[in-house]
Amino acid sequence: MQKLVLSLLILAAVVMLEVTSQDSMLAPPDRPSEFRSPDELRRYLKALNEYYAIVGRPRFGRSVNKRSAADYLFKPSHKNE
């Protein structure tokens, strides 16, 4: 039973690390040193537009005022003594 719990915790940690790693971030398209044709420029600008459409998308739900899990676990007691 302990091996199962430990392996699930390790698996969850690896998945969380993979999701939050910087390598998984979308990289901008590589810019050629010289555009040899209008079609090459058009392809680059299309890829750049797709990149900024994804990266510039607003991230709803990320708020400074959101409560963390620690707030729920360690909330102060409001007892009148």
PDB file of N, CA and C in Angstrom:
ATOM      1  N   MET A   1       0.821  -1.195   0.000  1.00  0.00           N
ATOM      2  CA  MET A   1       0.000   0.000   0.000  1.00  0.00           C
ATOM      3  C   MET A   1       0.865   1.259   0.000  1.00  0.00           C
ATOM      4  N   GLN A   2       1.932   1.251   0.804  1.00  0.00           N
ATOM      5  CA  GLN A   2       2.813   2.419   0.861  1.00  0.00           C
ATOM      6  C   GLN A   2       3.548   2.621  -0.459  1.00  0.00           C
ATOM      7  N   LYS A   3       3.899   1.514  -1.117  1.00  0.00           N
ATOM      8  CA  LYS A   3       4.577   1.630  -2.409  1.00  0.00           C
ATOM      9  C   LYS A   3       3.643   2.248  -3.445  1.00  0.00           C
ATOM     10  N   LEU A   4       2.382   1.895  -3.371  1.00  0.00           N
ATOM     11  CA  LEU A   4       1.409   2.449  -4.307  1.00  0.00           C
ATOM     12  C   LEU A   4       1.237   3.952  -4.088  1.00  0.00           C
ATOM     13  N   VAL A   5       1.122   4.365  -2.849  1.00  0.00           N
ATOM     14  CA  VAL A   5       0.967   5.785  -2.531  1.00  0.00           C
ATOM     15  C   VAL A   5       2.214   6.555  -2.940  1.00  0.00           C
ATOM     16  N   LEU A   6       3.379   6.003  -2.644  1.00  0.00           N
ATOM     17  CA  LEU A   6       4.633   6.658  -3.009  1.00  0.00           C
ATOM     18  C   LEU A   6       4.772   6.772  -4.523  1.00  0.00           C
ATOM     19  N   SER A   7       4.438   5.711  -5.237  1.00  0.00           N
ATOM     20  CA  SER A   7       4.553   5.769  -6.694  1.00  0.00           C
ATOM     21  C   SER A   7       3.545   6.753  -7.288  1.00  0.00           C
ATOM     22  N   LEU A   8       2.343   6.855  -6.708  1.00  0.00           N
ATOM     23  CA  LEU A   8       1.376   7.835  -7.191  1.00  0.00           C
ATOM     24  C   LEU A   8       1.838   9.262  -6.920  1.00  0.00           C
ATOM     25  N   LEU A   9       2.461   9.487  -5.775  1.00  0.00           N
ATOM     26  CA  LEU A   9       2.995  10.820  -5.472  1.00  0.00           C
ATOM     27  C   LEU A   9       4.121  11.193  -6.428  1.00  0.00           C
ATOM     28  N   ILE A  10       4.987  10.244  -6.707  1.00  0.00           N
ATOM     29  CA  ILE A  10       6.089  10.502  -7.648  1.00  0.00           C
ATOM     30  C   ILE A  10       5.534  10.769  -9.040  1.00  0.00           C
ATOM     31  N   LEU A  11       4.549   9.990  -9.450  1.00  0.00           N
ATOM     32  CA  LEU A  11       3.935  10.194 -10.759  1.00  0.00           C
ATOM     33  C   LEU A  11       3.273  11.572 -10.845  1.00  0.00           C
ATOM     34  N   ALA A  12       2.571  11.963  -9.797  1.00  0.00           N
ATOM     35  CA  ALA A  12       1.931  13.283  -9.781  1.00  0.00           C
ATOM     36  C   ALA A  12       2.970  14.396  -9.832  1.00  0.00           C
ATOM     37  N   ALA A  13       4.087  14.222  -9.123  1.00  0.00           N
ATOM     38  CA  ALA A  13       5.143  15.236  -9.138  1.00  0.00           C
ATOM     39  C   ALA A  13       5.771  15.353 -10.522  1.00  0.00           C
ATOM     40  N   VAL A  14       5.987  14.227 -11.184  1.00  0.00           N
ATOM     41  CA  VAL A  14       6.582  14.252 -12.523  1.00  0.00           C
ATOM     42  C   VAL A  14       5.630  14.914 -13.516  1.00  0.00           C
ATOM     43  N   VAL A  15       4.353  14.585 -13.423  1.00  0.00           N
ATOM     44  CA  VAL A  15       3.371  15.200 -14.326  1.00  0.00           C
ATOM     45  C   VAL A  15       3.298  16.706 -14.085  1.00  0.00           C
ATOM     46  N   MET A  16       3.290  17.120 -12.824  1.00  0.00           N
ATOM     47  CA  MET A  16       3.237  18.547 -12.501  1.00  0.00           C
ATOM     48  C   MET A  16       4.493  19.262 -13.001  1.00  0.00           C
ATOM     49  N   LEU A  17       5.633  18.626 -12.873  1.00  0.00           N
ATOM     50  CA  LEU A  17       6.878  19.221 -13.354  1.00  0.00           C
ATOM     51  C   LEU A  17       6.859  19.361 -14.870  1.00  0.00           C
ATOM     52  N   GLU A  18       6.332  18.359 -15.550  1.00  0.00           N
ATOM     53  CA  GLU A  18       6.265  18.400 -17.005  1.00  0.00           C
ATOM     54  C   GLU A  18       5.328  19.507 -17.482  1.00  0.00           C
ATOM     55  N   VAL A  19       4.234  19.679 -16.803  1.00  0.00           N
ATOM     56  CA  VAL A  19       3.257  20.694 -17.208  1.00  0.00           C
ATOM     57  C   VAL A  19       3.796  22.098 -16.979  1.00  0.00           C
ATOM     58  N   THR A  20       4.528  22.310 -15.901  1.00  0.00           N
ATOM     59  CA  THR A  20       4.979  23.655 -15.554  1.00  0.00           C
ATOM     60  C   THR A  20       6.382  23.986 -16.040  1.00  0.00           C
ATOM     61  N   SER A  21       7.035  23.080 -16.738  1.00  0.00           N
ATOM     62  CA  SER A  21       8.414  23.341 -17.154  1.00  0.00           C
ATOM     63  C   SER A  21       8.459  24.394 -18.257  1.00  0.00           C
ATOM     64  N   GLN A  22       9.552  25.117 -18.317  1.00  0.00           N
ATOM     65  CA  GLN A  22       9.725  26.174 -19.311  1.00  0.00           C
ATOM     66  C   GLN A  22       9.924  25.610 -20.711  1.00  0.00           C
ATOM     67  N   ASP A  23      10.435  24.378 -20.812  1.00  0.00           N
ATOM     68  CA  ASP A  23      10.676  23.791 -22.122  1.00  0.00           C
ATOM     69  C   ASP A  23       9.383  23.532 -22.878  1.00  0.00           C
ATOM     70  N   SER A  24       8.302  23.358 -22.148  1.00  0.00           N
ATOM     71  CA  SER A  24       7.031  23.091 -22.809  1.00  0.00           C
ATOM     72  C   SER A  24       6.389  24.371 -23.338  1.00  0.00           C
ATOM     73  N   MET A  25       6.980  25.514 -23.036  1.00  0.00           N
ATOM     74  CA  MET A  25       6.441  26.780 -23.531  1.00  0.00           C
ATOM     75  C   MET A  25       6.647  26.858 -25.041  1.00  0.00           C
ATOM     76  N   LEU A  26       5.729  27.515 -25.679  1.00  0.00           N
ATOM     77  CA  LEU A  26       5.796  27.690 -27.118  1.00  0.00           C
ATOM     78  C   LEU A  26       6.907  28.675 -27.459  1.00  0.00           C
ATOM     79  N   ALA A  27       7.752  28.302 -28.385  1.00  0.00           N
ATOM     80  CA  ALA A  27       8.863  29.166 -28.793  1.00  0.00           C
ATOM     81  C   ALA A  27       8.455  29.951 -30.039  1.00  0.00           C
ATOM     82  N   PRO A  28       8.941  31.174 -30.164  1.00  0.00           N
ATOM     83  CA  PRO A  28       8.621  31.945 -31.368  1.00  0.00           C
ATOM     84  C   PRO A  28       9.270  31.298 -32.592  1.00  0.00           C
ATOM     85  N   PRO A  29       8.709  31.520 -33.763  1.00  0.00           N
ATOM     86  CA  PRO A  29       9.293  30.921 -34.969  1.00  0.00           C
ATOM     87  C   PRO A  29      10.676  31.502 -35.253  1.00  0.00           C
ATOM     88  N   ASP A  30      11.516  30.688 -35.831  1.00  0.00           N
ATOM     89  CA  ASP A  30      12.869  31.133 -36.178  1.00  0.00           C
ATOM     90  C   ASP A  30      12.800  32.084 -37.369  1.00  0.00           C
ATOM     91  N   ARG A  31      13.462  33.215 -37.213  1.00  0.00           N
ATOM     92  CA  ARG A  31      13.466  34.218 -38.285  1.00  0.00           C
ATOM     93  C   ARG A  31      14.657  33.955 -39.193  1.00  0.00           C
ATOM     94  N   PRO A  32      14.403  33.797 -40.479  1.00  0.00           N
ATOM     95  CA  PRO A  32      15.526  33.629 -41.404  1.00  0.00           C
ATOM     96  C   PRO A  32      16.358  34.910 -41.468  1.00  0.00           C
ATOM     97  N   SER A  33      17.630  34.757 -41.748  1.00  0.00           N
ATOM     98  CA  SER A  33      18.486  35.943 -41.841  1.00  0.00           C
ATOM     99  C   SER A  33      18.096  36.802 -43.041  1.00  0.00           C
ATOM    100  N   GLU A  34      17.540  36.156 -44.062  1.00  0.00           N
ATOM    101  CA  GLU A  34      17.129  36.888 -45.264  1.00  0.00           C
ATOM    102  C   GLU A  34      15.909  36.191 -45.864  1.00  0.00           C
ATOM    103  N   PHE A  35      14.917  36.972 -46.221  1.00  0.00           N
ATOM    104  CA  PHE A  35      13.736  36.410 -46.868  1.00  0.00           C
ATOM    105  C   PHE A  35      13.999  36.371 -48.367  1.00  0.00           C
ATOM    106  N   ARG A  36      13.997  35.174 -48.927  1.00  0.00           N
ATOM    107  CA  ARG A  36      14.357  35.009 -50.335  1.00  0.00           C
ATOM    108  C   ARG A  36      13.167  35.185 -51.281  1.00  0.00           C
ATOM    109  N   SER A  37      11.961  35.076 -50.733  1.00  0.00           N
ATOM    110  CA  SER A  37      10.779  35.237 -51.588  1.00  0.00           C
ATOM    111  C   SER A  37       9.636  35.821 -50.760  1.00  0.00           C
ATOM    112  N   PRO A  38       8.685  36.414 -51.427  1.00  0.00           N
ATOM    113  CA  PRO A  38       7.517  36.926 -50.699  1.00  0.00           C
ATOM    114  C   PRO A  38       6.737  35.808 -49.994  1.00  0.00           C
ATOM    115  N   ASP A  39       6.751  34.614 -50.582  1.00  0.00           N
ATOM    116  CA  ASP A  39       6.051  33.489 -49.961  1.00  0.00           C
ATOM    117  C   ASP A  39       6.720  33.075 -48.647  1.00  0.00           C
ATOM    118  N   GLU A  40       8.042  33.133 -48.607  1.00  0.00           N
ATOM    119  CA  GLU A  40       8.762  32.812 -47.370  1.00  0.00           C
ATOM    120  C   GLU A  40       8.442  33.843 -46.280  1.00  0.00           C
ATOM    121  N   LEU A  41       8.383  35.100 -46.651  1.00  0.00           N
ATOM    122  CA  LEU A  41       8.007  36.154 -45.707  1.00  0.00           C
ATOM    123  C   LEU A  41       6.575  35.950 -45.220  1.00  0.00           C
ATOM    124  N   ARG A  42       5.683  35.590 -46.144  1.00  0.00           N
ATOM    125  CA  ARG A  42       4.287  35.348 -45.791  1.00  0.00           C
ATOM    126  C   ARG A  42       4.163  34.191 -44.805  1.00  0.00           C
ATOM    127  N   ARG A  43       4.906  33.100 -45.013  1.00  0.00           N
ATOM    128  CA  ARG A  43       4.873  31.945 -44.093  1.00  0.00           C
ATOM    129  C   ARG A  43       5.402  32.323 -42.719  1.00  0.00           C
ATOM    130  N   TYR A  44       6.480  33.113 -42.696  1.00  0.00           N
ATOM    131  CA  TYR A  44       7.046  33.539 -41.412  1.00  0.00           C
ATOM    132  C   TYR A  44       6.064  34.427 -40.654  1.00  0.00           C
ATOM    133  N   LEU A  45       5.453  35.377 -41.345  1.00  0.00           N
ATOM    134  CA  LEU A  45       4.499  36.269 -40.682  1.00  0.00           C
ATOM    135  C   LEU A  45       3.261  35.514 -40.201  1.00  0.00           C
ATOM    136  N   LYS A  46       2.844  34.498 -40.940  1.00  0.00           N
ATOM    137  CA  LYS A  46       1.710  33.682 -40.500  1.00  0.00           C
ATOM    138  C   LYS A  46       2.074  32.908 -39.234  1.00  0.00           C
ATOM    139  N   ALA A  47       3.272  32.313 -39.203  1.00  0.00           N
ATOM    140  CA  ALA A  47       3.719  31.582 -38.011  1.00  0.00           C
ATOM    141  C   ALA A  47       3.876  32.528 -36.828  1.00  0.00           C
ATOM    142  N   LEU A  48       4.386  33.729 -37.075  1.00  0.00           N
ATOM    143  CA  LEU A  48       4.543  34.719 -36.009  1.00  0.00           C
ATOM    144  C   LEU A  48       3.181  35.174 -35.476  1.00  0.00           C
ATOM    145  N   ASN A  49       2.222  35.340 -36.364  1.00  0.00           N
ATOM    146  CA  ASN A  49       0.872  35.711 -35.951  1.00  0.00           C
ATOM    147  C   ASN A  49       0.246  34.611 -35.089  1.00  0.00           C
ATOM    148  N   GLU A  50       0.426  33.352 -35.470  1.00  0.00           N
ATOM    149  CA  GLU A  50      -0.098  32.238 -34.675  1.00  0.00           C
ATOM    150  C   GLU A  50       0.573  32.184 -33.307  1.00  0.00           C
ATOM    151  N   TYR A  51       1.873  32.453 -33.268  1.00  0.00           N
ATOM    152  CA  TYR A  51       2.600  32.458 -31.995  1.00  0.00           C
ATOM    153  C   TYR A  51       2.036  33.521 -31.055  1.00  0.00           C
ATOM    154  N   TYR A  52       1.883  34.750 -31.548  1.00  0.00           N
ATOM    155  CA  TYR A  52       1.374  35.825 -30.695  1.00  0.00           C
ATOM    156  C   TYR A  52      -0.104  35.635 -30.354  1.00  0.00           C
ATOM    157  N   ALA A  53      -0.845  34.959 -31.206  1.00  0.00           N
ATOM    158  CA  ALA A  53      -2.248  34.682 -30.893  1.00  0.00           C
ATOM    159  C   ALA A  53      -2.357  33.741 -29.698  1.00  0.00           C
ATOM    160  N   ILE A  54      -1.421  32.820 -29.571  1.00  0.00           N
ATOM    161  CA  ILE A  54      -1.438  31.876 -28.450  1.00  0.00           C
ATOM    162  C   ILE A  54      -0.806  32.492 -27.210  1.00  0.00           C
ATOM    163  N   VAL A  55       0.357  33.105 -27.359  1.00  0.00           N
ATOM    164  CA  VAL A  55       1.075  33.659 -26.209  1.00  0.00           C
ATOM    165  C   VAL A  55       0.349  34.869 -25.633  1.00  0.00           C
ATOM    166  N   GLY A  56      -0.266  35.661 -26.477  1.00  0.00           N
ATOM    167  CA  GLY A  56      -0.930  36.871 -26.014  1.00  0.00           C
ATOM    168  C   GLY A  56      -2.339  36.655 -25.504  1.00  0.00           C
ATOM    169  N   ARG A  57      -2.781  35.412 -25.505  1.00  0.00           N
ATOM    170  CA  ARG A  57      -4.140  35.113 -25.038  1.00  0.00           C
ATOM    171  C   ARG A  57      -4.256  35.390 -23.545  1.00  0.00           C
ATOM    172  N   PRO A  58      -5.316  36.060 -23.128  1.00  0.00           N
ATOM    173  CA  PRO A  58      -5.464  36.336 -21.689  1.00  0.00           C
ATOM    174  C   PRO A  58      -5.677  35.047 -20.910  1.00  0.00           C
ATOM    175  N   ARG A  59      -5.148  35.023 -19.700  1.00  0.00           N
ATOM    176  CA  ARG A  59      -5.271  33.846 -18.850  1.00  0.00           C
ATOM    177  C   ARG A  59      -6.249  34.169 -17.734  1.00  0.00           C
ATOM    178  N   PHE A  60      -7.486  33.835 -17.971  1.00  0.00           N
ATOM    179  CA  PHE A  60      -8.523  34.105 -16.982  1.00  0.00           C
ATOM    180  C   PHE A  60      -8.382  33.121 -15.835  1.00  0.00           C
ATOM    181  N   GLY A  61      -8.692  33.586 -14.631  1.00  0.00           N
ATOM    182  CA  GLY A  61      -8.629  32.711 -13.470  1.00  0.00           C
ATOM    183  C   GLY A  61      -7.382  32.905 -12.648  1.00  0.00           C
ATOM    184  N   ARG A  62      -6.399  33.572 -13.170  1.00  0.00           N
ATOM    185  CA  ARG A  62      -5.191  33.853 -12.400  1.00  0.00           C
ATOM    186  C   ARG A  62      -5.352  35.234 -11.791  1.00  0.00           C
ATOM    187  N   SER A  63      -5.608  35.263 -10.523  1.00  0.00           N
ATOM    188  CA  SER A  63      -5.882  36.530  -9.869  1.00  0.00           C
ATOM    189  C   SER A  63      -5.000  36.671  -8.647  1.00  0.00           C
ATOM    190  N   VAL A  64      -4.633  37.883  -8.363  1.00  0.00           N
ATOM    191  CA  VAL A  64      -3.819  38.156  -7.181  1.00  0.00           C
ATOM    192  C   VAL A  64      -4.627  37.890  -5.919  1.00  0.00           C
ATOM    193  N   ASN A  65      -5.914  38.101  -5.984  1.00  0.00           N
ATOM    194  CA  ASN A  65      -6.757  37.968  -4.806  1.00  0.00           C
ATOM    195  C   ASN A  65      -7.258  36.549  -4.568  1.00  0.00           C
ATOM    196  N   LYS A  66      -6.861  35.610  -5.386  1.00  0.00           N
ATOM    197  CA  LYS A  66      -7.304  34.240  -5.176  1.00  0.00           C
ATOM    198  C   LYS A  66      -6.683  33.669  -3.921  1.00  0.00           C
ATOM    199  N   ARG A  67      -7.413  32.804  -3.281  1.00  0.00           N
ATOM    200  CA  ARG A  67      -6.911  32.173  -2.066  1.00  0.00           C
ATOM    201  C   ARG A  67      -6.152  30.910  -2.449  1.00  0.00           C
ATOM    202  N   SER A  68      -5.097  30.633  -1.735  1.00  0.00           N
ATOM    203  CA  SER A  68      -4.318  29.431  -1.990  1.00  0.00           C
ATOM    204  C   SER A  68      -4.821  28.296  -1.118  1.00  0.00           C
ATOM    205  N   ALA A  69      -4.296  27.100  -1.367  1.00  0.00           N
ATOM    206  CA  ALA A  69      -4.683  25.937  -0.572  1.00  0.00           C
ATOM    207  C   ALA A  69      -4.249  26.117   0.876  1.00  0.00           C
ATOM    208  N   ALA A  70      -3.148  26.818   1.103  1.00  0.00           N
ATOM    209  CA  ALA A  70      -2.668  27.045   2.468  1.00  0.00           C
ATOM    210  C   ALA A  70      -3.659  27.895   3.259  1.00  0.00           C
ATOM    211  N   ASP A  71      -4.358  28.790   2.588  1.00  0.00           N
ATOM    212  CA  ASP A  71      -5.362  29.606   3.278  1.00  0.00           C
ATOM    213  C   ASP A  71      -6.487  28.744   3.837  1.00  0.00           C
ATOM    214  N   TYR A  72      -6.834  27.715   3.096  1.00  0.00           N
ATOM    215  CA  TYR A  72      -7.902  26.831   3.556  1.00  0.00           C
ATOM    216  C   TYR A  72      -7.416  25.881   4.643  1.00  0.00           C
ATOM    217  N   LEU A  73      -6.159  25.459   4.546  1.00  0.00           N
ATOM    218  CA  LEU A  73      -5.632  24.498   5.517  1.00  0.00           C
ATOM    219  C   LEU A  73      -5.300  25.146   6.850  1.00  0.00           C
ATOM    220  N   PHE A  74      -4.745  26.339   6.806  1.00  0.00           N
ATOM    221  CA  PHE A  74      -4.264  26.988   8.024  1.00  0.00           C
ATOM    222  C   PHE A  74      -5.031  28.271   8.316  1.00  0.00           C
ATOM    223  N   LYS A  75      -6.340  28.235   8.208  1.00  0.00           N
ATOM    224  CA  LYS A  75      -7.090  29.467   8.460  1.00  0.00           C
ATOM    225  C   LYS A  75      -7.121  29.767   9.956  1.00  0.00           C
ATOM    226  N   PRO A  76      -6.991  31.035  10.293  1.00  0.00           N
ATOM    227  CA  PRO A  76      -6.975  31.409  11.714  1.00  0.00           C
ATOM    228  C   PRO A  76      -8.349  31.189  12.339  1.00  0.00           C
ATOM    229  N   SER A  77      -8.322  30.799  13.587  1.00  0.00           N
ATOM    230  CA  SER A  77      -9.602  30.584  14.267  1.00  0.00           C
ATOM    231  C   SER A  77     -10.098  31.924  14.802  1.00  0.00           C
ATOM    232  N   HIS A  78     -11.367  32.137  14.704  1.00  0.00           N
ATOM    233  CA  HIS A  78     -11.980  33.387  15.156  1.00  0.00           C
ATOM    234  C   HIS A  78     -12.851  33.109  16.380  1.00  0.00           C
ATOM    235  N   LYS A  79     -12.251  32.553  17.379  1.00  0.00           N
ATOM    236  CA  LYS A  79     -12.998  32.242  18.600  1.00  0.00           C
ATOM    237  C   LYS A  79     -12.972  33.446  19.528  1.00  0.00           C
ATOM    238  N   ASN A  80     -14.078  33.721  20.137  1.00  0.00           N
ATOM    239  CA  ASN A  80     -14.155  34.801  21.121  1.00  0.00           C
ATOM    240  C   ASN A  80     -13.881  34.223  22.496  1.00  0.00           C
ATOM    241  N   GLU A  81     -12.736  34.484  23.022  1.00  0.00           N
ATOM    242  CA  GLU A  81     -12.370  33.948  24.338  1.00  0.00           C
ATOM    243  C   GLU A  81     -12.185  35.041  25.331  1.00  0.00           C
TER     244      GLU A  81
END
